[in-house]
Amino acid sequence: MEEYSLQVAMRDANGVKPGKLRAEGFTPAVVYGAEIAPQTVQIESRELDRLLARGGASHLVNLEGEKFAKTRVLIREVQRHPVRREVLHIDFVRVSVGQKIRMAVALHLVGESPAVEEGAILLQNVDSVEIECLPDSLPSFIEVDISGLVHIHDRIHATDLKLPPGVELYGDLSDEALISLSIPRSATTEELEEEEDTGEPEILSDRRDEEDED
């Protein structure tokens, strides 16, 4: 599993104001959980942006720094500016070794679908699923094999996923398909045109005979 880590520095919550801190290139943050008092810290904004761009929001992260013991955390909340989208504040929650965690993990499609090769359109209705596991069992992603999608009505549901050892699905597993197939619109249009072309022509002579009888 890829390692994600950040260097942090302790911050006095009553010290430098958050706005000035961000102007100096740092992002204010708080670390809480595991029945330990919350700790206010600061992180170099560029390093934080790089970690988030690599998908760090859905992985375990190691925080460490001077006067800050190495701590395993999950990113719980990221507050962004509504216009500039820069990170204003970030919350981390501590992770205990023997305590299960819940996390949304991305789905990665693998394999080739015979139906798609025949012209069907693949629809990925869900990008991630929520799972529960111990910290060391947290997968980077979950593979979804689409090679079994042979017919247009084939579907892949959450219960069809092959999960890594120690990983379980969490939450309501609805009947909505994660992956499904659709017929191309062009193919549907062609079918309608064929039906119109093969329709029986109206016999005008019969209508005239009926009008003459009236």
N, C-alpha and C. Protein backbone atom coordinates (compact mmCIF):
# COMPACT_ATOMS: atom_id res chain seq x y z
N MET A 1 0.84 -1.19 0.00
CA MET A 1 0.00 0.00 0.00
C MET A 1 0.88 1.25 0.00
N GLU A 2 0.52 2.23 -0.82
CA GLU A 2 1.30 3.46 -0.91
C GLU A 2 1.21 4.24 0.40
N GLU A 3 2.34 4.80 0.81
CA GLU A 3 2.39 5.57 2.05
C GLU A 3 2.05 7.03 1.78
N TYR A 4 1.23 7.60 2.65
CA TYR A 4 0.89 9.01 2.58
C TYR A 4 1.31 9.65 3.90
N SER A 5 2.06 10.73 3.81
CA SER A 5 2.54 11.36 5.04
C SER A 5 2.61 12.87 4.86
N LEU A 6 2.53 13.56 6.00
CA LEU A 6 2.61 15.02 6.02
C LEU A 6 3.44 15.46 7.22
N GLN A 7 4.23 16.48 7.01
CA GLN A 7 4.95 17.12 8.10
C GLN A 7 4.05 18.20 8.70
N VAL A 8 3.91 18.17 10.04
CA VAL A 8 3.07 19.16 10.70
C VAL A 8 3.87 19.85 11.79
N ALA A 9 3.38 21.02 12.18
CA ALA A 9 3.99 21.77 13.29
C ALA A 9 2.90 22.16 14.25
N MET A 10 3.19 22.12 15.54
CA MET A 10 2.21 22.50 16.54
C MET A 10 1.85 23.97 16.37
N ARG A 11 0.60 24.30 16.67
CA ARG A 11 0.11 25.67 16.48
C ARG A 11 -0.68 26.09 17.72
N ASP A 12 -0.44 27.29 18.13
CA ASP A 12 -1.20 27.85 19.24
C ASP A 12 -2.51 28.39 18.69
N ALA A 13 -3.63 27.80 19.14
CA ALA A 13 -4.93 28.21 18.63
C ALA A 13 -5.21 29.69 18.89
N ASN A 14 -4.57 30.27 19.88
CA ASN A 14 -4.77 31.67 20.20
C ASN A 14 -3.67 32.56 19.65
N GLY A 15 -2.82 31.97 18.81
CA GLY A 15 -1.69 32.72 18.26
C GLY A 15 -2.02 33.39 16.95
N VAL A 16 -1.23 33.07 15.90
CA VAL A 16 -1.41 33.69 14.58
C VAL A 16 -2.81 33.38 14.03
N LYS A 17 -3.48 34.40 13.53
CA LYS A 17 -4.81 34.23 12.99
C LYS A 17 -4.77 33.35 11.73
N PRO A 18 -5.83 32.54 11.48
CA PRO A 18 -5.84 31.64 10.32
C PRO A 18 -5.60 32.35 9.00
N GLY A 19 -6.16 33.55 8.84
CA GLY A 19 -5.97 34.27 7.57
C GLY A 19 -4.51 34.60 7.32
N LYS A 20 -3.81 35.07 8.34
CA LYS A 20 -2.39 35.40 8.21
C LYS A 20 -1.57 34.13 8.00
N LEU A 21 -1.98 33.06 8.68
CA LEU A 21 -1.27 31.78 8.53
C LEU A 21 -1.34 31.30 7.09
N ARG A 22 -2.52 31.39 6.49
CA ARG A 22 -2.67 30.96 5.09
C ARG A 22 -1.88 31.85 4.15
N ALA A 23 -1.83 33.16 4.48
CA ALA A 23 -1.05 34.08 3.65
C ALA A 23 0.43 33.74 3.69
N GLU A 24 0.88 33.10 4.76
CA GLU A 24 2.29 32.71 4.89
C GLU A 24 2.55 31.33 4.29
N GLY A 25 1.51 30.71 3.71
CA GLY A 25 1.71 29.43 3.03
C GLY A 25 1.42 28.20 3.85
N PHE A 26 0.66 28.38 4.93
CA PHE A 26 0.33 27.25 5.79
C PHE A 26 -1.19 27.10 5.92
N THR A 27 -1.62 25.87 6.17
CA THR A 27 -3.04 25.59 6.36
C THR A 27 -3.28 25.15 7.80
N PRO A 28 -4.21 25.78 8.50
CA PRO A 28 -4.51 25.36 9.87
C PRO A 28 -5.27 24.04 9.88
N ALA A 29 -5.04 23.24 10.91
CA ALA A 29 -5.70 21.93 11.00
C ALA A 29 -5.86 21.55 12.46
N VAL A 30 -6.72 20.56 12.69
CA VAL A 30 -6.91 20.02 14.02
C VAL A 30 -6.89 18.50 13.94
N VAL A 31 -6.29 17.87 14.95
CA VAL A 31 -6.22 16.41 15.04
C VAL A 31 -6.98 16.01 16.30
N TYR A 32 -7.98 15.12 16.16
CA TYR A 32 -8.77 14.74 17.32
C TYR A 32 -9.08 13.24 17.27
N GLY A 33 -9.75 12.75 18.32
CA GLY A 33 -10.15 11.35 18.37
C GLY A 33 -9.27 10.51 19.26
N ALA A 34 -9.64 9.22 19.38
CA ALA A 34 -8.91 8.23 20.18
C ALA A 34 -8.82 8.64 21.64
N GLU A 35 -9.83 9.37 22.13
CA GLU A 35 -9.90 9.77 23.53
C GLU A 35 -8.68 10.57 23.98
N ILE A 36 -8.10 11.32 23.03
CA ILE A 36 -6.96 12.21 23.32
C ILE A 36 -7.42 13.63 23.02
N ALA A 37 -6.95 14.57 23.79
CA ALA A 37 -7.34 15.97 23.58
C ALA A 37 -6.99 16.44 22.17
N PRO A 38 -7.83 17.24 21.55
CA PRO A 38 -7.54 17.75 20.19
C PRO A 38 -6.23 18.53 20.16
N GLN A 39 -5.52 18.42 19.04
CA GLN A 39 -4.27 19.15 18.85
C GLN A 39 -4.41 20.06 17.65
N THR A 40 -4.06 21.33 17.81
CA THR A 40 -4.08 22.27 16.69
C THR A 40 -2.70 22.29 16.04
N VAL A 41 -2.68 22.12 14.72
CA VAL A 41 -1.41 22.06 13.99
C VAL A 41 -1.50 22.91 12.73
N GLN A 42 -0.37 23.04 12.06
CA GLN A 42 -0.33 23.71 10.76
C GLN A 42 0.49 22.87 9.79
N ILE A 43 0.10 22.96 8.51
CA ILE A 43 0.72 22.15 7.46
C ILE A 43 1.09 23.07 6.31
N GLU A 44 2.21 22.81 5.67
CA GLU A 44 2.57 23.59 4.50
C GLU A 44 1.53 23.34 3.41
N SER A 45 0.93 24.40 2.92
CA SER A 45 -0.20 24.29 2.00
C SER A 45 0.14 23.54 0.72
N ARG A 46 1.33 23.75 0.17
CA ARG A 46 1.71 23.07 -1.07
C ARG A 46 1.80 21.56 -0.86
N GLU A 47 2.34 21.15 0.28
CA GLU A 47 2.45 19.72 0.57
C GLU A 47 1.06 19.11 0.74
N LEU A 48 0.17 19.84 1.38
CA LEU A 48 -1.19 19.35 1.57
C LEU A 48 -1.90 19.22 0.22
N ASP A 49 -1.75 20.22 -0.63
CA ASP A 49 -2.39 20.17 -1.96
C ASP A 49 -1.89 18.97 -2.76
N ARG A 50 -0.59 18.70 -2.67
CA ARG A 50 -0.03 17.55 -3.41
C ARG A 50 -0.61 16.24 -2.88
N LEU A 51 -0.75 16.13 -1.56
CA LEU A 51 -1.29 14.91 -0.99
C LEU A 51 -2.75 14.71 -1.42
N LEU A 52 -3.54 15.77 -1.39
CA LEU A 52 -4.94 15.67 -1.80
C LEU A 52 -5.06 15.32 -3.28
N ALA A 53 -4.17 15.87 -4.10
CA ALA A 53 -4.19 15.57 -5.54
C ALA A 53 -3.87 14.11 -5.81
N ARG A 54 -3.11 13.46 -4.92
CA ARG A 54 -2.77 12.04 -5.06
C ARG A 54 -3.84 11.12 -4.48
N GLY A 55 -4.92 11.69 -3.99
CA GLY A 55 -5.99 10.87 -3.43
C GLY A 55 -5.86 10.61 -1.95
N GLY A 56 -5.10 11.44 -1.26
CA GLY A 56 -4.88 11.23 0.17
C GLY A 56 -6.12 11.30 1.02
N ALA A 57 -7.18 11.91 0.51
CA ALA A 57 -8.41 12.04 1.30
C ALA A 57 -9.09 10.70 1.55
N SER A 58 -8.72 9.68 0.81
CA SER A 58 -9.35 8.36 0.98
C SER A 58 -8.33 7.31 1.44
N HIS A 59 -7.24 7.75 2.09
CA HIS A 59 -6.21 6.83 2.57
C HIS A 59 -5.77 7.20 3.99
N LEU A 60 -5.12 6.26 4.62
CA LEU A 60 -4.49 6.55 5.90
C LEU A 60 -3.31 7.50 5.65
N VAL A 61 -3.14 8.45 6.56
CA VAL A 61 -2.06 9.43 6.43
C VAL A 61 -1.26 9.43 7.73
N ASN A 62 0.06 9.47 7.59
CA ASN A 62 0.95 9.58 8.75
C ASN A 62 1.32 11.04 8.97
N LEU A 63 0.97 11.56 10.14
CA LEU A 63 1.38 12.91 10.51
C LEU A 63 2.58 12.81 11.45
N GLU A 64 3.58 13.64 11.21
CA GLU A 64 4.74 13.66 12.09
C GLU A 64 5.45 15.00 11.99
N GLY A 65 6.19 15.33 13.02
CA GLY A 65 6.91 16.59 13.02
C GLY A 65 7.57 16.83 14.35
N GLU A 66 8.29 17.93 14.43
CA GLU A 66 8.97 18.27 15.68
C GLU A 66 7.93 18.53 16.78
N LYS A 67 8.12 17.89 17.91
CA LYS A 67 7.21 17.99 19.05
C LYS A 67 5.83 17.39 18.76
N PHE A 68 5.75 16.60 17.67
CA PHE A 68 4.48 15.95 17.34
C PHE A 68 4.77 14.48 17.03
N ALA A 69 4.32 13.58 17.90
CA ALA A 69 4.59 12.16 17.71
C ALA A 69 3.88 11.64 16.46
N LYS A 70 4.54 10.70 15.77
CA LYS A 70 3.97 10.14 14.57
C LYS A 70 2.58 9.57 14.87
N THR A 71 1.60 9.99 14.08
CA THR A 71 0.21 9.63 14.33
C THR A 71 -0.47 9.23 13.02
N ARG A 72 -1.19 8.12 13.06
CA ARG A 72 -1.96 7.68 11.89
C ARG A 72 -3.35 8.30 11.94
N VAL A 73 -3.75 8.91 10.83
CA VAL A 73 -5.03 9.62 10.82
C VAL A 73 -5.77 9.37 9.51
N LEU A 74 -7.04 9.73 9.52
CA LEU A 74 -7.85 9.83 8.32
C LEU A 74 -8.29 11.27 8.18
N ILE A 75 -8.41 11.74 6.95
CA ILE A 75 -8.93 13.08 6.72
C ILE A 75 -10.45 13.02 6.88
N ARG A 76 -10.98 13.77 7.85
CA ARG A 76 -12.41 13.74 8.13
C ARG A 76 -13.17 14.84 7.42
N GLU A 77 -12.57 16.02 7.32
CA GLU A 77 -13.27 17.13 6.66
C GLU A 77 -12.26 18.11 6.08
N VAL A 78 -12.56 18.56 4.86
CA VAL A 78 -11.73 19.57 4.19
C VAL A 78 -12.61 20.77 3.89
N GLN A 79 -12.28 21.91 4.45
CA GLN A 79 -13.04 23.13 4.19
C GLN A 79 -12.31 23.94 3.13
N ARG A 80 -13.04 24.30 2.06
CA ARG A 80 -12.44 25.05 0.94
C ARG A 80 -13.13 26.40 0.76
N HIS A 81 -12.39 27.33 0.18
CA HIS A 81 -12.97 28.63 -0.17
C HIS A 81 -14.00 28.40 -1.27
N PRO A 82 -15.19 28.99 -1.17
CA PRO A 82 -16.25 28.72 -2.16
C PRO A 82 -15.93 29.16 -3.58
N VAL A 83 -15.02 30.10 -3.74
CA VAL A 83 -14.68 30.59 -5.08
C VAL A 83 -13.29 30.11 -5.51
N ARG A 84 -12.29 30.40 -4.70
CA ARG A 84 -10.90 30.06 -5.07
C ARG A 84 -10.59 28.59 -4.88
N ARG A 85 -11.42 27.87 -4.08
CA ARG A 85 -11.27 26.44 -3.84
C ARG A 85 -10.00 26.06 -3.08
N GLU A 86 -9.30 27.04 -2.54
CA GLU A 86 -8.13 26.73 -1.72
C GLU A 86 -8.59 26.14 -0.39
N VAL A 87 -7.76 25.29 0.20
CA VAL A 87 -8.11 24.66 1.47
C VAL A 87 -7.97 25.69 2.59
N LEU A 88 -9.07 25.90 3.34
CA LEU A 88 -9.06 26.85 4.44
C LEU A 88 -8.72 26.19 5.77
N HIS A 89 -9.17 24.95 5.92
CA HIS A 89 -8.97 24.24 7.19
C HIS A 89 -9.18 22.76 6.93
N ILE A 90 -8.52 21.92 7.71
CA ILE A 90 -8.66 20.47 7.54
C ILE A 90 -8.73 19.79 8.90
N ASP A 91 -9.60 18.80 9.00
CA ASP A 91 -9.75 18.03 10.23
C ASP A 91 -9.22 16.62 10.02
N PHE A 92 -8.41 16.15 10.97
CA PHE A 92 -7.91 14.78 10.95
C PHE A 92 -8.48 14.04 12.17
N VAL A 93 -8.78 12.75 11.99
CA VAL A 93 -9.21 11.94 13.12
C VAL A 93 -8.19 10.82 13.33
N ARG A 94 -7.76 10.63 14.57
CA ARG A 94 -6.76 9.60 14.87
C ARG A 94 -7.34 8.20 14.65
N VAL A 95 -6.47 7.27 14.26
CA VAL A 95 -6.87 5.89 13.99
C VAL A 95 -6.17 4.97 14.97
N SER A 96 -6.94 4.14 15.66
CA SER A 96 -6.37 3.16 16.58
C SER A 96 -6.11 1.85 15.84
N VAL A 97 -5.03 1.17 16.18
CA VAL A 97 -4.61 -0.04 15.48
C VAL A 97 -5.71 -1.10 15.45
N GLY A 98 -6.36 -1.36 16.57
CA GLY A 98 -7.33 -2.44 16.63
C GLY A 98 -8.77 -2.02 16.41
N GLN A 99 -8.98 -0.78 15.99
CA GLN A 99 -10.34 -0.28 15.82
C GLN A 99 -10.69 -0.20 14.34
N LYS A 100 -11.86 -0.76 13.98
CA LYS A 100 -12.27 -0.73 12.58
C LYS A 100 -12.61 0.69 12.15
N ILE A 101 -12.35 0.96 10.88
CA ILE A 101 -12.65 2.27 10.31
C ILE A 101 -13.62 2.11 9.15
N ARG A 102 -14.33 3.18 8.85
CA ARG A 102 -15.25 3.19 7.71
C ARG A 102 -14.76 4.22 6.71
N MET A 103 -14.75 3.82 5.44
CA MET A 103 -14.14 4.68 4.43
C MET A 103 -14.80 4.43 3.08
N ALA A 104 -14.93 5.48 2.29
CA ALA A 104 -15.38 5.33 0.90
C ALA A 104 -14.15 5.03 0.04
N VAL A 105 -14.19 3.92 -0.68
CA VAL A 105 -13.05 3.48 -1.49
C VAL A 105 -13.45 3.45 -2.96
N ALA A 106 -12.56 3.94 -3.82
CA ALA A 106 -12.86 4.04 -5.25
C ALA A 106 -12.95 2.66 -5.90
N LEU A 107 -13.76 2.59 -6.96
CA LEU A 107 -13.88 1.38 -7.78
C LEU A 107 -13.02 1.53 -9.02
N HIS A 108 -12.21 0.50 -9.32
CA HIS A 108 -11.40 0.48 -10.53
C HIS A 108 -11.87 -0.66 -11.43
N LEU A 109 -12.27 -0.32 -12.65
CA LEU A 109 -12.77 -1.34 -13.56
C LEU A 109 -11.61 -2.07 -14.24
N VAL A 110 -11.74 -3.39 -14.31
CA VAL A 110 -10.72 -4.21 -14.98
C VAL A 110 -11.44 -5.18 -15.92
N GLY A 111 -10.69 -5.68 -16.92
CA GLY A 111 -11.25 -6.63 -17.86
C GLY A 111 -11.94 -5.94 -19.03
N GLU A 112 -12.44 -6.76 -19.94
CA GLU A 112 -13.14 -6.27 -21.12
C GLU A 112 -14.54 -6.88 -21.16
N SER A 113 -15.52 -6.06 -21.44
CA SER A 113 -16.90 -6.53 -21.52
C SER A 113 -17.25 -6.91 -22.96
N PRO A 114 -17.67 -8.17 -23.21
CA PRO A 114 -18.09 -8.57 -24.56
C PRO A 114 -19.22 -7.70 -25.09
N ALA A 115 -20.13 -7.29 -24.20
CA ALA A 115 -21.25 -6.47 -24.64
C ALA A 115 -20.77 -5.11 -25.15
N VAL A 116 -19.76 -4.54 -24.47
CA VAL A 116 -19.21 -3.25 -24.91
C VAL A 116 -18.49 -3.40 -26.25
N GLU A 117 -17.80 -4.51 -26.41
CA GLU A 117 -17.10 -4.77 -27.68
C GLU A 117 -18.10 -4.90 -28.83
N GLU A 118 -19.35 -5.28 -28.49
CA GLU A 118 -20.39 -5.40 -29.52
C GLU A 118 -21.13 -4.09 -29.74
N GLY A 119 -20.75 -3.05 -29.00
CA GLY A 119 -21.35 -1.74 -29.23
C GLY A 119 -22.15 -1.17 -28.08
N ALA A 120 -22.34 -1.91 -26.99
CA ALA A 120 -23.10 -1.39 -25.84
C ALA A 120 -22.28 -0.31 -25.13
N ILE A 121 -22.99 0.55 -24.40
CA ILE A 121 -22.34 1.61 -23.63
C ILE A 121 -22.26 1.20 -22.17
N LEU A 122 -21.07 1.30 -21.58
CA LEU A 122 -20.87 0.95 -20.18
C LEU A 122 -21.21 2.15 -19.30
N LEU A 123 -22.06 1.93 -18.31
CA LEU A 123 -22.46 2.99 -17.39
C LEU A 123 -21.95 2.67 -15.99
N GLN A 124 -21.04 3.51 -15.48
CA GLN A 124 -20.57 3.35 -14.10
C GLN A 124 -21.39 4.29 -13.24
N ASN A 125 -22.39 3.75 -12.56
CA ASN A 125 -23.33 4.55 -11.80
C ASN A 125 -22.79 5.00 -10.45
N VAL A 126 -21.78 4.31 -9.94
CA VAL A 126 -21.19 4.63 -8.63
C VAL A 126 -19.67 4.61 -8.75
N ASP A 127 -19.01 5.63 -8.23
CA ASP A 127 -17.55 5.73 -8.30
C ASP A 127 -16.85 5.06 -7.13
N SER A 128 -17.57 4.90 -6.01
CA SER A 128 -16.95 4.34 -4.81
C SER A 128 -18.00 3.63 -3.97
N VAL A 129 -17.54 2.80 -3.05
CA VAL A 129 -18.42 2.14 -2.09
C VAL A 129 -17.84 2.33 -0.70
N GLU A 130 -18.71 2.33 0.31
CA GLU A 130 -18.25 2.49 1.68
C GLU A 130 -17.95 1.12 2.28
N ILE A 131 -16.80 1.01 2.91
CA ILE A 131 -16.38 -0.26 3.48
C ILE A 131 -16.02 -0.09 4.95
N GLU A 132 -15.84 -1.21 5.62
CA GLU A 132 -15.42 -1.21 7.02
C GLU A 132 -14.32 -2.26 7.18
N CYS A 133 -13.23 -1.88 7.84
CA CYS A 133 -12.12 -2.80 8.03
C CYS A 133 -11.15 -2.24 9.07
N LEU A 134 -10.16 -3.04 9.45
CA LEU A 134 -9.09 -2.55 10.31
C LEU A 134 -8.15 -1.67 9.49
N PRO A 135 -7.46 -0.73 10.10
CA PRO A 135 -6.61 0.20 9.36
C PRO A 135 -5.62 -0.47 8.41
N ASP A 136 -4.97 -1.54 8.86
CA ASP A 136 -3.97 -2.18 8.01
C ASP A 136 -4.57 -2.96 6.84
N SER A 137 -5.88 -3.14 6.85
CA SER A 137 -6.55 -3.86 5.75
C SER A 137 -7.18 -2.92 4.74
N LEU A 138 -7.05 -1.61 4.94
CA LEU A 138 -7.68 -0.64 4.06
C LEU A 138 -7.08 -0.72 2.65
N PRO A 139 -7.89 -1.05 1.64
CA PRO A 139 -7.36 -1.13 0.27
C PRO A 139 -7.30 0.24 -0.38
N SER A 140 -6.40 0.41 -1.34
CA SER A 140 -6.33 1.67 -2.08
C SER A 140 -7.53 1.84 -2.99
N PHE A 141 -8.05 0.71 -3.50
CA PHE A 141 -9.23 0.71 -4.36
C PHE A 141 -9.78 -0.71 -4.41
N ILE A 142 -10.94 -0.87 -5.01
CA ILE A 142 -11.55 -2.18 -5.17
C ILE A 142 -11.74 -2.44 -6.66
N GLU A 143 -11.22 -3.57 -7.13
CA GLU A 143 -11.34 -3.92 -8.54
C GLU A 143 -12.73 -4.46 -8.86
N VAL A 144 -13.24 -4.07 -10.01
CA VAL A 144 -14.53 -4.56 -10.49
C VAL A 144 -14.29 -5.18 -11.86
N ASP A 145 -14.44 -6.49 -11.95
CA ASP A 145 -14.22 -7.21 -13.21
C ASP A 145 -15.48 -7.13 -14.07
N ILE A 146 -15.37 -6.48 -15.22
CA ILE A 146 -16.53 -6.29 -16.09
C ILE A 146 -16.59 -7.32 -17.23
N SER A 147 -15.70 -8.33 -17.19
CA SER A 147 -15.68 -9.31 -18.27
C SER A 147 -16.93 -10.19 -18.28
N GLY A 148 -17.70 -10.18 -17.19
CA GLY A 148 -18.92 -10.97 -17.15
C GLY A 148 -20.12 -10.27 -17.74
N LEU A 149 -19.96 -9.03 -18.17
CA LEU A 149 -21.06 -8.29 -18.79
C LEU A 149 -21.15 -8.69 -20.27
N VAL A 150 -21.97 -9.69 -20.53
CA VAL A 150 -22.07 -10.25 -21.88
C VAL A 150 -23.31 -9.75 -22.60
N HIS A 151 -24.42 -9.66 -21.88
CA HIS A 151 -25.70 -9.26 -22.47
C HIS A 151 -26.11 -7.88 -21.98
N ILE A 152 -26.96 -7.21 -22.75
CA ILE A 152 -27.32 -5.83 -22.48
C ILE A 152 -27.99 -5.66 -21.11
N HIS A 153 -28.61 -6.70 -20.59
CA HIS A 153 -29.30 -6.60 -19.31
C HIS A 153 -28.43 -7.03 -18.12
N ASP A 154 -27.18 -7.38 -18.36
CA ASP A 154 -26.29 -7.77 -17.27
C ASP A 154 -25.95 -6.57 -16.39
N ARG A 155 -25.82 -6.82 -15.10
CA ARG A 155 -25.53 -5.77 -14.14
C ARG A 155 -24.49 -6.26 -13.13
N ILE A 156 -23.82 -5.31 -12.46
CA ILE A 156 -22.94 -5.63 -11.34
C ILE A 156 -23.43 -4.84 -10.13
N HIS A 157 -23.77 -5.56 -9.04
CA HIS A 157 -24.25 -4.95 -7.82
C HIS A 157 -23.16 -4.98 -6.75
N ALA A 158 -23.38 -4.26 -5.66
CA ALA A 158 -22.39 -4.21 -4.58
C ALA A 158 -22.10 -5.60 -4.05
N THR A 159 -23.14 -6.44 -3.98
CA THR A 159 -22.95 -7.79 -3.45
C THR A 159 -22.16 -8.69 -4.39
N ASP A 160 -21.92 -8.23 -5.62
CA ASP A 160 -21.12 -9.01 -6.58
C ASP A 160 -19.62 -8.74 -6.45
N LEU A 161 -19.25 -7.73 -5.68
CA LEU A 161 -17.85 -7.34 -5.57
C LEU A 161 -17.04 -8.40 -4.82
N LYS A 162 -15.80 -8.60 -5.28
CA LYS A 162 -14.87 -9.49 -4.58
C LYS A 162 -13.97 -8.62 -3.71
N LEU A 163 -14.25 -8.63 -2.42
CA LEU A 163 -13.54 -7.76 -1.49
C LEU A 163 -12.27 -8.42 -0.96
N PRO A 164 -11.24 -7.63 -0.66
CA PRO A 164 -10.01 -8.18 -0.07
C PRO A 164 -10.30 -8.79 1.30
N PRO A 165 -9.45 -9.66 1.78
CA PRO A 165 -9.63 -10.26 3.11
C PRO A 165 -9.73 -9.18 4.19
N GLY A 166 -10.67 -9.37 5.11
CA GLY A 166 -10.82 -8.43 6.21
C GLY A 166 -11.61 -7.19 5.89
N VAL A 167 -12.15 -7.10 4.68
CA VAL A 167 -12.90 -5.91 4.25
C VAL A 167 -14.37 -6.29 4.04
N GLU A 168 -15.26 -5.48 4.59
CA GLU A 168 -16.69 -5.71 4.45
C GLU A 168 -17.37 -4.45 3.93
N LEU A 169 -18.46 -4.64 3.19
CA LEU A 169 -19.26 -3.51 2.76
C LEU A 169 -20.01 -2.95 3.95
N TYR A 170 -20.20 -1.63 3.95
CA TYR A 170 -20.89 -0.99 5.06
C TYR A 170 -22.08 -0.18 4.53
N GLY A 171 -23.15 -0.17 5.31
CA GLY A 171 -24.30 0.66 4.96
C GLY A 171 -25.35 -0.08 4.17
N ASP A 172 -26.31 0.69 3.69
CA ASP A 172 -27.45 0.14 2.96
C ASP A 172 -27.02 -0.29 1.56
N LEU A 173 -27.20 -1.57 1.26
CA LEU A 173 -26.87 -2.08 -0.06
C LEU A 173 -28.16 -2.15 -0.87
N SER A 174 -28.44 -1.09 -1.59
CA SER A 174 -29.67 -1.02 -2.37
C SER A 174 -29.56 -1.91 -3.61
N ASP A 175 -30.67 -2.04 -4.31
CA ASP A 175 -30.69 -2.87 -5.52
C ASP A 175 -30.14 -2.12 -6.74
N GLU A 176 -29.76 -0.86 -6.56
CA GLU A 176 -29.23 -0.10 -7.68
C GLU A 176 -27.91 -0.70 -8.16
N ALA A 177 -27.78 -0.85 -9.47
CA ALA A 177 -26.58 -1.46 -10.05
C ALA A 177 -25.41 -0.47 -9.99
N LEU A 178 -24.23 -0.99 -9.63
CA LEU A 178 -23.03 -0.17 -9.67
C LEU A 178 -22.60 0.07 -11.11
N ILE A 179 -22.66 -1.01 -11.90
CA ILE A 179 -22.27 -0.98 -13.31
C ILE A 179 -23.42 -1.56 -14.12
N SER A 180 -23.77 -0.89 -15.21
CA SER A 180 -24.83 -1.39 -16.08
C SER A 180 -24.47 -1.09 -17.53
N LEU A 181 -25.35 -1.51 -18.44
CA LEU A 181 -25.13 -1.31 -19.87
C LEU A 181 -26.31 -0.58 -20.49
N SER A 182 -26.04 0.09 -21.58
CA SER A 182 -27.09 0.80 -22.28
C SER A 182 -26.92 0.62 -23.79
N ILE A 183 -28.03 0.67 -24.50
CA ILE A 183 -27.98 0.59 -25.97
C ILE A 183 -27.67 1.97 -26.52
N PRO A 184 -26.75 2.09 -27.46
CA PRO A 184 -26.46 3.40 -28.05
C PRO A 184 -27.70 4.02 -28.65
N ARG A 185 -27.85 5.33 -28.53
CA ARG A 185 -29.02 6.02 -29.06
C ARG A 185 -29.15 5.83 -30.57
N SER A 186 -28.01 5.80 -31.25
CA SER A 186 -28.04 5.61 -32.70
C SER A 186 -28.65 4.27 -33.07
N ALA A 187 -28.35 3.22 -32.27
CA ALA A 187 -28.89 1.90 -32.54
C ALA A 187 -30.39 1.89 -32.33
N THR A 188 -30.87 2.59 -31.30
CA THR A 188 -32.30 2.66 -31.02
C THR A 188 -33.02 3.37 -32.16
N THR A 189 -32.41 4.45 -32.66
CA THR A 189 -33.01 5.19 -33.77
C THR A 189 -33.11 4.33 -35.02
N GLU A 190 -32.06 3.55 -35.30
CA GLU A 190 -32.08 2.67 -36.46
C GLU A 190 -33.18 1.63 -36.36
N GLU A 191 -33.38 1.08 -35.12
CA GLU A 191 -34.42 0.08 -34.94
C GLU A 191 -35.80 0.67 -35.20
N LEU A 192 -36.03 1.92 -34.74
CA LEU A 192 -37.32 2.56 -34.97
C LEU A 192 -37.55 2.81 -36.45
N GLU A 193 -36.48 3.21 -37.14
CA GLU A 193 -36.60 3.45 -38.57
C GLU A 193 -36.92 2.17 -39.32
N GLU A 194 -36.31 1.05 -38.89
CA GLU A 194 -36.59 -0.23 -39.53
C GLU A 194 -38.04 -0.65 -39.31
N GLU A 195 -38.57 -0.39 -38.10
CA GLU A 195 -39.95 -0.73 -37.82
C GLU A 195 -40.89 0.09 -38.70
N GLU A 196 -40.57 1.38 -38.89
CA GLU A 196 -41.40 2.22 -39.74
C GLU A 196 -41.34 1.77 -41.19
N ASP A 197 -40.14 1.34 -41.63
CA ASP A 197 -39.98 0.91 -43.01
C ASP A 197 -40.74 -0.38 -43.31
N THR A 198 -40.85 -1.26 -42.30
CA THR A 198 -41.49 -2.56 -42.54
C THR A 198 -42.98 -2.53 -42.24
N GLY A 199 -43.54 -1.37 -41.87
CA GLY A 199 -44.97 -1.28 -41.60
C GLY A 199 -45.77 -1.48 -42.89
N GLU A 200 -46.99 -2.02 -42.80
CA GLU A 200 -47.81 -2.28 -43.97
C GLU A 200 -48.33 -0.98 -44.53
N PRO A 201 -48.22 -0.77 -45.85
CA PRO A 201 -48.69 0.47 -46.48
C PRO A 201 -50.22 0.52 -46.48
N GLU A 202 -50.75 1.71 -46.37
CA GLU A 202 -52.21 1.89 -46.41
C GLU A 202 -52.70 1.73 -47.84
N ILE A 203 -53.76 0.97 -48.04
CA ILE A 203 -54.32 0.73 -49.37
C ILE A 203 -55.40 1.77 -49.64
N LEU A 204 -55.05 2.75 -50.47
CA LEU A 204 -55.94 3.88 -50.73
C LEU A 204 -57.19 3.47 -51.49
N SER A 205 -57.06 2.43 -52.38
CA SER A 205 -58.20 2.01 -53.19
C SER A 205 -59.33 1.50 -52.31
N ASP A 206 -58.97 0.82 -51.18
CA ASP A 206 -59.99 0.31 -50.28
C ASP A 206 -60.76 1.45 -49.62
N ARG A 207 -60.02 2.53 -49.28
CA ARG A 207 -60.67 3.66 -48.64
C ARG A 207 -61.64 4.32 -49.62
N ARG A 208 -61.24 4.44 -50.89
CA ARG A 208 -62.11 5.06 -51.89
C ARG A 208 -63.40 4.27 -52.06
N ASP A 209 -63.27 2.90 -52.06
CA ASP A 209 -64.46 2.07 -52.22
C ASP A 209 -65.44 2.30 -51.06
N GLU A 210 -64.88 2.43 -49.83
CA GLU A 210 -65.74 2.68 -48.67
C GLU A 210 -66.45 4.02 -48.79
N GLU A 211 -65.75 5.04 -49.29
CA GLU A 211 -66.36 6.38 -49.45
C GLU A 211 -67.44 6.36 -50.49
N ASP A 212 -67.25 5.55 -51.60
CA ASP A 212 -68.27 5.47 -52.67
C ASP A 212 -69.53 4.82 -52.16
N GLU A 213 -69.40 3.79 -51.27
CA GLU A 213 -70.57 3.11 -50.72
C GLU A 213 -71.40 4.04 -49.85
N ASP A 214 -70.72 4.98 -49.16
CA ASP A 214 -71.46 5.94 -48.34
C ASP A 214 -72.26 6.89 -49.22
